[in-house]
Amino acid sequence: GQGGEQYAEMHKNEPHVLMLEADAGVYKPAR
């Protein structure tokens, strides 16, 4: 997870209102 850690360090002072991650495959949308 170094990419996510270093993204946070670089962008932590920017005003984010949502982080969305898709990392569970491509299957029928459900939840």
PDB file of all heavy atoms in Angstrom:
ATOM      1  N   GLY A   1       0.781  -1.226   0.000  1.00  0.00           N
ATOM      2  CA  GLY A   1       0.000   0.000   0.000  1.00  0.00           C
ATOM      3  C   GLY A   1       0.815   1.280   0.000  1.00  0.00           C
ATOM      4  O   GLY A   1       0.311   2.335   0.397  1.00  0.00           O
ATOM      5  N   GLN A   2       2.037   1.215  -0.485  1.00  0.00           N
ATOM      6  CA  GLN A   2       2.883   2.409  -0.450  1.00  0.00           C
ATOM      7  C   GLN A   2       2.338   3.535  -1.327  1.00  0.00           C
ATOM      8  O   GLN A   2       2.529   4.716  -1.026  1.00  0.00           O
ATOM      9  CB  GLN A   2       4.309   2.050  -0.884  1.00  0.00           C
ATOM     10  CG  GLN A   2       5.071   1.181   0.094  1.00  0.00           C
ATOM     11  CD  GLN A   2       4.747  -0.303  -0.044  1.00  0.00           C
ATOM     12  OE1 GLN A   2       4.053  -0.723  -0.979  1.00  0.00           O
ATOM     13  NE2 GLN A   2       5.252  -1.109   0.882  1.00  0.00           N
ATOM     14  N   GLY A   3       1.648   3.185  -2.427  1.00  0.00           N
ATOM     15  CA  GLY A   3       1.077   4.209  -3.285  1.00  0.00           C
ATOM     16  C   GLY A   3       0.042   5.046  -2.566  1.00  0.00           C
ATOM     17  O   GLY A   3       0.035   6.282  -2.672  1.00  0.00           O
ATOM     18  N   GLY A   4      -0.836   4.391  -1.809  1.00  0.00           N
ATOM     19  CA  GLY A   4      -1.849   5.112  -1.052  1.00  0.00           C
ATOM     20  C   GLY A   4      -1.250   5.934   0.071  1.00  0.00           C
ATOM     21  O   GLY A   4      -1.690   7.063   0.344  1.00  0.00           O
ATOM     22  N   GLU A   5      -0.240   5.377   0.738  1.00  0.00           N
ATOM     23  CA  GLU A   5       0.405   6.101   1.837  1.00  0.00           C
ATOM     24  C   GLU A   5       1.076   7.380   1.337  1.00  0.00           C
ATOM     25  O   GLU A   5       0.959   8.443   1.954  1.00  0.00           O
ATOM     26  CB  GLU A   5       1.434   5.194   2.515  1.00  0.00           C
ATOM     27  CG  GLU A   5       0.826   4.027   3.279  1.00  0.00           C
ATOM     28  CD  GLU A   5       1.868   3.039   3.753  1.00  0.00           C
ATOM     29  OE1 GLU A   5       3.065   3.217   3.403  1.00  0.00           O
ATOM     30  OE2 GLU A   5       1.497   2.077   4.446  1.00  0.00           O
ATOM     31  N   GLN A   6       1.767   7.265   0.197  1.00  0.00           N
ATOM     32  CA  GLN A   6       2.493   8.428  -0.303  1.00  0.00           C
ATOM     33  C   GLN A   6       1.560   9.431  -0.979  1.00  0.00           C
ATOM     34  O   GLN A   6       1.842  10.636  -0.992  1.00  0.00           O
ATOM     35  CB  GLN A   6       3.627   7.966  -1.221  1.00  0.00           C
ATOM     36  CG  GLN A   6       4.705   7.217  -0.435  1.00  0.00           C
ATOM     37  CD  GLN A   6       5.779   6.581  -1.296  1.00  0.00           C
ATOM     38  OE1 GLN A   6       6.469   7.265  -2.043  1.00  0.00           O
ATOM     39  NE2 GLN A   6       5.926   5.264  -1.201  1.00  0.00           N
ATOM     40  N   TYR A   7       0.428   8.961  -1.518  1.00  0.00           N
ATOM     41  CA  TYR A   7      -0.593   9.893  -2.007  1.00  0.00           C
ATOM     42  C   TYR A   7      -1.105  10.738  -0.845  1.00  0.00           C
ATOM     43  O   TYR A   7      -1.252  11.969  -0.970  1.00  0.00           O
ATOM     44  CB  TYR A   7      -1.757   9.131  -2.644  1.00  0.00           C
ATOM     45  CG  TYR A   7      -2.895  10.031  -3.091  1.00  0.00           C
ATOM     46  CD1 TYR A   7      -2.947  10.524  -4.386  1.00  0.00           C
ATOM     47  CD2 TYR A   7      -3.912  10.392  -2.206  1.00  0.00           C
ATOM     48  CE1 TYR A   7      -3.983  11.358  -4.797  1.00  0.00           C
ATOM     49  CE2 TYR A   7      -4.948  11.233  -2.602  1.00  0.00           C
ATOM     50  CZ  TYR A   7      -4.973  11.710  -3.902  1.00  0.00           C
ATOM     51  OH  TYR A   7      -5.990  12.554  -4.293  1.00  0.00           O
ATOM     52  N   ALA A   8      -1.387  10.103   0.278  1.00  0.00           N
ATOM     53  CA  ALA A   8      -1.897  10.838   1.440  1.00  0.00           C
ATOM     54  C   ALA A   8      -0.893  11.860   1.934  1.00  0.00           C
ATOM     55  O   ALA A   8      -1.257  12.994   2.279  1.00  0.00           O
ATOM     56  CB  ALA A   8      -2.260   9.853   2.560  1.00  0.00           C
ATOM     57  N   GLU A   9       0.366  11.485   1.977  1.00  0.00           N
ATOM     58  CA  GLU A   9       1.393  12.417   2.425  1.00  0.00           C
ATOM     59  C   GLU A   9       1.483  13.619   1.489  1.00  0.00           C
ATOM     60  O   GLU A   9       1.653  14.767   1.932  1.00  0.00           O
ATOM     61  CB  GLU A   9       2.740  11.704   2.509  1.00  0.00           C
ATOM     62  CG  GLU A   9       3.863  12.547   3.072  1.00  0.00           C
ATOM     63  CD  GLU A   9       3.610  13.027   4.492  1.00  0.00           C
ATOM     64  OE1 GLU A   9       2.921  12.312   5.260  1.00  0.00           O
ATOM     65  OE2 GLU A   9       4.096  14.135   4.832  1.00  0.00           O
ATOM     66  N   MET A  10       1.319  13.381   0.206  1.00  0.00           N
ATOM     67  CA  MET A  10       1.438  14.447  -0.787  1.00  0.00           C
ATOM     68  C   MET A  10       0.202  15.349  -0.831  1.00  0.00           C
ATOM     69  O   MET A  10       0.297  16.545  -1.087  1.00  0.00           O
ATOM     70  CB  MET A  10       1.676  13.813  -2.165  1.00  0.00           C
ATOM     71  CG  MET A  10       1.980  14.807  -3.275  1.00  0.00           C
ATOM     72  SD  MET A  10       2.354  13.957  -4.839  1.00  0.00           S
ATOM     73  CE  MET A  10       3.787  12.988  -4.375  1.00  0.00           C
ATOM     74  N   HIS A  11      -0.983  14.768  -0.548  1.00  0.00           N
ATOM     75  CA  HIS A  11      -2.239  15.505  -0.784  1.00  0.00           C
ATOM     76  C   HIS A  11      -3.067  15.735   0.475  1.00  0.00           C
ATOM     77  O   HIS A  11      -4.214  16.179   0.380  1.00  0.00           O
ATOM     78  CB  HIS A  11      -3.087  14.739  -1.806  1.00  0.00           C
ATOM     79  CG  HIS A  11      -2.461  14.624  -3.159  1.00  0.00           C
ATOM     80  ND1 HIS A  11      -2.396  15.671  -4.052  1.00  0.00           N
ATOM     81  CD2 HIS A  11      -1.843  13.567  -3.771  1.00  0.00           C
ATOM     82  CE1 HIS A  11      -1.797  15.279  -5.161  1.00  0.00           C
ATOM     83  NE2 HIS A  11      -1.440  14.009  -5.015  1.00  0.00           N
ATOM     84  N   LYS A  12      -2.523  15.455   1.637  1.00  0.00           N
ATOM     85  CA  LYS A  12      -3.311  15.527   2.864  1.00  0.00           C
ATOM     86  C   LYS A  12      -3.851  16.917   3.158  1.00  0.00           C
ATOM     87  O   LYS A  12      -4.849  17.057   3.885  1.00  0.00           O
ATOM     88  CB  LYS A  12      -2.500  15.011   4.053  1.00  0.00           C
ATOM     89  CG  LYS A  12      -1.244  15.832   4.341  1.00  0.00           C
ATOM     90  CD  LYS A  12      -0.429  15.186   5.448  1.00  0.00           C
ATOM     91  CE  LYS A  12       0.870  15.957   5.715  1.00  0.00           C
ATOM     92  NZ  LYS A  12       1.688  15.288   6.742  1.00  0.00           N
ATOM     93  N   ASN A  13      -3.232  17.958   2.630  1.00  0.00           N
ATOM     94  CA  ASN A  13      -3.692  19.316   2.904  1.00  0.00           C
ATOM     95  C   ASN A  13      -4.673  19.838   1.853  1.00  0.00           C
ATOM     96  O   ASN A  13      -5.146  20.969   1.960  1.00  0.00           O
ATOM     97  CB  ASN A  13      -2.489  20.267   3.008  1.00  0.00           C
ATOM     98  CG  ASN A  13      -1.623  19.945   4.216  1.00  0.00           C
ATOM     99  OD1 ASN A  13      -2.125  19.608   5.283  1.00  0.00           O
ATOM    100  ND2 ASN A  13      -0.311  20.033   4.039  1.00  0.00           N
ATOM    101  N   GLU A  14      -4.980  19.021   0.855  1.00  0.00           N
ATOM    102  CA  GLU A  14      -5.988  19.402  -0.131  1.00  0.00           C
ATOM    103  C   GLU A  14      -7.374  19.030   0.381  1.00  0.00           C
ATOM    104  O   GLU A  14      -7.542  18.003   1.052  1.00  0.00           O
ATOM    105  CB  GLU A  14      -5.734  18.706  -1.471  1.00  0.00           C
ATOM    106  CG  GLU A  14      -4.451  19.122  -2.153  1.00  0.00           C
ATOM    107  CD  GLU A  14      -4.205  18.367  -3.436  1.00  0.00           C
ATOM    108  OE1 GLU A  14      -4.846  17.315  -3.647  1.00  0.00           O
ATOM    109  OE2 GLU A  14      -3.366  18.813  -4.225  1.00  0.00           O
ATOM    110  N   PRO A  15      -8.405  19.818   0.057  1.00  0.00           N
ATOM    111  CA  PRO A  15      -9.760  19.554   0.571  1.00  0.00           C
ATOM    112  C   PRO A  15     -10.447  18.413  -0.178  1.00  0.00           C
ATOM    113  O   PRO A  15     -11.097  18.631  -1.206  1.00  0.00           O
ATOM    114  CB  PRO A  15     -10.481  20.885   0.350  1.00  0.00           C
ATOM    115  CG  PRO A  15      -9.768  21.512  -0.799  1.00  0.00           C
ATOM    116  CD  PRO A  15      -8.332  21.087  -0.690  1.00  0.00           C
ATOM    117  N   HIS A  16     -10.272  17.196   0.292  1.00  0.00           N
ATOM    118  CA  HIS A  16     -10.982  16.042  -0.259  1.00  0.00           C
ATOM    119  C   HIS A  16     -12.327  15.867   0.463  1.00  0.00           C
ATOM    120  O   HIS A  16     -12.408  16.048   1.678  1.00  0.00           O
ATOM    121  CB  HIS A  16     -10.163  14.773  -0.069  1.00  0.00           C
ATOM    122  CG  HIS A  16      -8.975  14.656  -0.974  1.00  0.00           C
ATOM    123  ND1 HIS A  16      -7.896  15.516  -0.900  1.00  0.00           N
ATOM    124  CD2 HIS A  16      -8.689  13.773  -1.979  1.00  0.00           C
ATOM    125  CE1 HIS A  16      -6.986  15.162  -1.809  1.00  0.00           C
ATOM    126  NE2 HIS A  16      -7.450  14.106  -2.479  1.00  0.00           N
ATOM    127  N   VAL A  17     -13.357  15.486  -0.290  1.00  0.00           N
ATOM    128  CA  VAL A  17     -14.668  15.216   0.311  1.00  0.00           C
ATOM    129  C   VAL A  17     -15.066  13.751   0.175  1.00  0.00           C
ATOM    130  O   VAL A  17     -16.076  13.323   0.740  1.00  0.00           O
ATOM    131  CB  VAL A  17     -15.764  16.118  -0.287  1.00  0.00           C
ATOM    132  CG1 VAL A  17     -15.472  17.579   0.034  1.00  0.00           C
ATOM    133  CG2 VAL A  17     -15.903  15.915  -1.794  1.00  0.00           C
ATOM    134  N   LEU A  18     -14.277  12.961  -0.579  1.00  0.00           N
ATOM    135  CA  LEU A  18     -14.542  11.529  -0.686  1.00  0.00           C
ATOM    136  C   LEU A  18     -13.331  10.838  -1.295  1.00  0.00           C
ATOM    137  O   LEU A  18     -12.692  11.357  -2.207  1.00  0.00           O
ATOM    138  CB  LEU A  18     -15.767  11.254  -1.567  1.00  0.00           C
ATOM    139  CG  LEU A  18     -16.120   9.762  -1.750  1.00  0.00           C
ATOM    140  CD1 LEU A  18     -16.646   9.178  -0.431  1.00  0.00           C
ATOM    141  CD2 LEU A  18     -17.143   9.550  -2.862  1.00  0.00           C
ATOM    142  N   MET A  19     -13.056   9.629  -0.768  1.00  0.00           N
ATOM    143  CA  MET A  19     -12.102   8.712  -1.380  1.00  0.00           C
ATOM    144  C   MET A  19     -12.876   7.440  -1.722  1.00  0.00           C
ATOM    145  O   MET A  19     -13.543   6.869  -0.862  1.00  0.00           O
ATOM    146  CB  MET A  19     -10.970   8.369  -0.410  1.00  0.00           C
ATOM    147  CG  MET A  19     -10.187   9.553   0.126  1.00  0.00           C
ATOM    148  SD  MET A  19      -9.224  10.414  -1.119  1.00  0.00           S
ATOM    149  CE  MET A  19      -8.086   9.108  -1.653  1.00  0.00           C
ATOM    150  N   LEU A  20     -12.822   7.005  -2.986  1.00  0.00           N
ATOM    151  CA  LEU A  20     -13.491   5.761  -3.394  1.00  0.00           C
ATOM    152  C   LEU A  20     -12.461   4.817  -3.985  1.00  0.00           C
ATOM    153  O   LEU A  20     -11.670   5.215  -4.845  1.00  0.00           O
ATOM    154  CB  LEU A  20     -14.599   6.036  -4.410  1.00  0.00           C
ATOM    155  CG  LEU A  20     -15.402   4.808  -4.873  1.00  0.00           C
ATOM    156  CD1 LEU A  20     -16.839   5.201  -5.217  1.00  0.00           C
ATOM    157  CD2 LEU A  20     -14.782   4.087  -6.084  1.00  0.00           C
ATOM    158  N   GLU A  21     -12.497   3.564  -3.538  1.00  0.00           N
ATOM    159  CA  GLU A  21     -11.588   2.546  -4.064  1.00  0.00           C
ATOM    160  C   GLU A  21     -12.380   1.375  -4.611  1.00  0.00           C
ATOM    161  O   GLU A  21     -13.326   0.889  -3.983  1.00  0.00           O
ATOM    162  CB  GLU A  21     -10.641   2.056  -2.964  1.00  0.00           C
ATOM    163  CG  GLU A  21      -9.636   1.031  -3.451  1.00  0.00           C
ATOM    164  CD  GLU A  21      -8.550   0.730  -2.434  1.00  0.00           C
ATOM    165  OE1 GLU A  21      -8.480   1.426  -1.402  1.00  0.00           O
ATOM    166  OE2 GLU A  21      -7.759  -0.194  -2.675  1.00  0.00           O
ATOM    167  N   ALA A  22     -11.991   0.912  -5.795  1.00  0.00           N
ATOM    168  CA  ALA A  22     -12.560  -0.298  -6.393  1.00  0.00           C
ATOM    169  C   ALA A  22     -11.447  -1.334  -6.466  1.00  0.00           C
ATOM    170  O   ALA A  22     -10.530  -1.196  -7.266  1.00  0.00           O
ATOM    171  CB  ALA A  22     -13.131  -0.001  -7.779  1.00  0.00           C
ATOM    172  N   ASP A  23     -11.534  -2.357  -5.638  1.00  0.00           N
ATOM    173  CA  ASP A  23     -10.487  -3.382  -5.587  1.00  0.00           C
ATOM    174  C   ASP A  23     -11.087  -4.709  -5.153  1.00  0.00           C
ATOM    175  O   ASP A  23     -10.585  -5.377  -4.255  1.00  0.00           O
ATOM    176  CB  ASP A  23      -9.369  -2.951  -4.629  1.00  0.00           C
ATOM    177  CG  ASP A  23      -8.170  -3.900  -4.663  1.00  0.00           C
ATOM    178  OD1 ASP A  23      -8.091  -4.722  -5.593  1.00  0.00           O
ATOM    179  OD2 ASP A  23      -7.325  -3.815  -3.760  1.00  0.00           O
ATOM    180  N   ALA A  24     -12.195  -5.086  -5.807  1.00  0.00           N
ATOM    181  CA  ALA A  24     -12.830  -6.363  -5.484  1.00  0.00           C
ATOM    182  C   ALA A  24     -13.320  -7.059  -6.747  1.00  0.00           C
ATOM    183  O   ALA A  24     -14.295  -7.811  -6.719  1.00  0.00           O
ATOM    184  CB  ALA A  24     -13.995  -6.150  -4.507  1.00  0.00           C
ATOM    185  N   GLY A  25     -12.661  -6.797  -7.855  1.00  0.00           N
ATOM    186  CA  GLY A  25     -13.016  -7.450  -9.101  1.00  0.00           C
ATOM    187  C   GLY A  25     -14.145  -6.759  -9.840  1.00  0.00           C
ATOM    188  O   GLY A  25     -14.744  -5.795  -9.371  1.00  0.00           O
ATOM    189  N   VAL A  26     -14.407  -7.281 -11.052  1.00  0.00           N
ATOM    190  CA  VAL A  26     -15.480  -6.762 -11.904  1.00  0.00           C
ATOM    191  C   VAL A  26     -16.575  -7.808 -11.967  1.00  0.00           C
ATOM    192  O   VAL A  26     -16.501  -8.776 -12.731  1.00  0.00           O
ATOM    193  CB  VAL A  26     -14.955  -6.446 -13.320  1.00  0.00           C
ATOM    194  CG1 VAL A  26     -16.082  -5.915 -14.201  1.00  0.00           C
ATOM    195  CG2 VAL A  26     -13.819  -5.439 -13.253  1.00  0.00           C
ATOM    196  N   TYR A  27     -17.588  -7.602 -11.126  1.00  0.00           N
ATOM    197  CA  TYR A  27     -18.743  -8.489 -11.057  1.00  0.00           C
ATOM    198  C   TYR A  27     -19.994  -7.629 -10.936  1.00  0.00           C
ATOM    199  O   TYR A  27     -19.917  -6.399 -10.946  1.00  0.00           O
ATOM    200  CB  TYR A  27     -18.609  -9.453  -9.870  1.00  0.00           C
ATOM    201  CG  TYR A  27     -17.363 -10.301  -9.930  1.00  0.00           C
ATOM    202  CD1 TYR A  27     -16.198  -9.896  -9.279  1.00  0.00           C
ATOM    203  CD2 TYR A  27     -17.335 -11.480 -10.666  1.00  0.00           C
ATOM    204  CE1 TYR A  27     -15.039 -10.659  -9.360  1.00  0.00           C
ATOM    205  CE2 TYR A  27     -16.173 -12.248 -10.743  1.00  0.00           C
ATOM    206  CZ  TYR A  27     -15.032 -11.833 -10.083  1.00  0.00           C
ATOM    207  OH  TYR A  27     -13.893 -12.580 -10.168  1.00  0.00           O
ATOM    208  N   LYS A  28     -21.134  -8.252 -10.816  1.00  0.00           N
ATOM    209  CA  LYS A  28     -22.401  -7.521 -10.791  1.00  0.00           C
ATOM    210  C   LYS A  28     -22.413  -6.484  -9.671  1.00  0.00           C
ATOM    211  O   LYS A  28     -22.151  -6.809  -8.509  1.00  0.00           O
ATOM    212  CB  LYS A  28     -23.548  -8.503 -10.585  1.00  0.00           C
ATOM    213  CG  LYS A  28     -24.923  -7.857 -10.578  1.00  0.00           C
ATOM    214  CD  LYS A  28     -26.004  -8.888 -10.357  1.00  0.00           C
ATOM    215  CE  LYS A  28     -27.378  -8.223 -10.272  1.00  0.00           C
ATOM    216  NZ  LYS A  28     -28.449  -9.223 -10.020  1.00  0.00           N
ATOM    217  N   PRO A  29     -22.711  -5.216  -9.998  1.00  0.00           N
ATOM    218  CA  PRO A  29     -22.791  -4.201  -8.937  1.00  0.00           C
ATOM    219  C   PRO A  29     -23.813  -4.595  -7.886  1.00  0.00           C
ATOM    220  O   PRO A  29     -24.927  -5.002  -8.213  1.00  0.00           O
ATOM    221  CB  PRO A  29     -23.239  -2.944  -9.689  1.00  0.00           C
ATOM    222  CG  PRO A  29     -22.814  -3.178 -11.102  1.00  0.00           C
ATOM    223  CD  PRO A  29     -22.961  -4.657 -11.332  1.00  0.00           C
ATOM    224  N   ALA A  30     -23.412  -4.495  -6.623  1.00  0.00           N
ATOM    225  CA  ALA A  30     -24.310  -4.963  -5.563  1.00  0.00           C
ATOM    226  C   ALA A  30     -24.286  -4.091  -4.322  1.00  0.00           C
ATOM    227  O   ALA A  30     -25.304  -3.959  -3.647  1.00  0.00           O
ATOM    228  CB  ALA A  30     -23.957  -6.405  -5.170  1.00  0.00           C
ATOM    229  N   ARG A  31     -23.141  -3.488  -3.987  1.00  0.00           N
ATOM    230  CA  ARG A  31     -23.068  -2.766  -2.718  1.00  0.00           C
ATOM    231  C   ARG A  31     -21.922  -1.760  -2.715  1.00  0.00           C
ATOM    232  O   ARG A  31     -20.936  -1.915  -3.438  1.00  0.00           O
ATOM    233  CB  ARG A  31     -22.886  -3.738  -1.559  1.00  0.00           C
ATOM    234  CG  ARG A  31     -21.656  -4.599  -1.640  1.00  0.00           C
ATOM    235  CD  ARG A  31     -21.648  -5.668  -0.542  1.00  0.00           C
ATOM    236  NE  ARG A  31     -22.644  -6.676  -0.808  1.00  0.00           N
ATOM    237  CZ  ARG A  31     -22.419  -7.761  -1.560  1.00  0.00           C
ATOM    238  NH1 ARG A  31     -21.241  -7.945  -2.135  1.00  0.00           N
ATOM    239  NH2 ARG A  31     -23.362  -8.649  -1.741  1.00  0.00           N
TER     240      ARG A  31
END
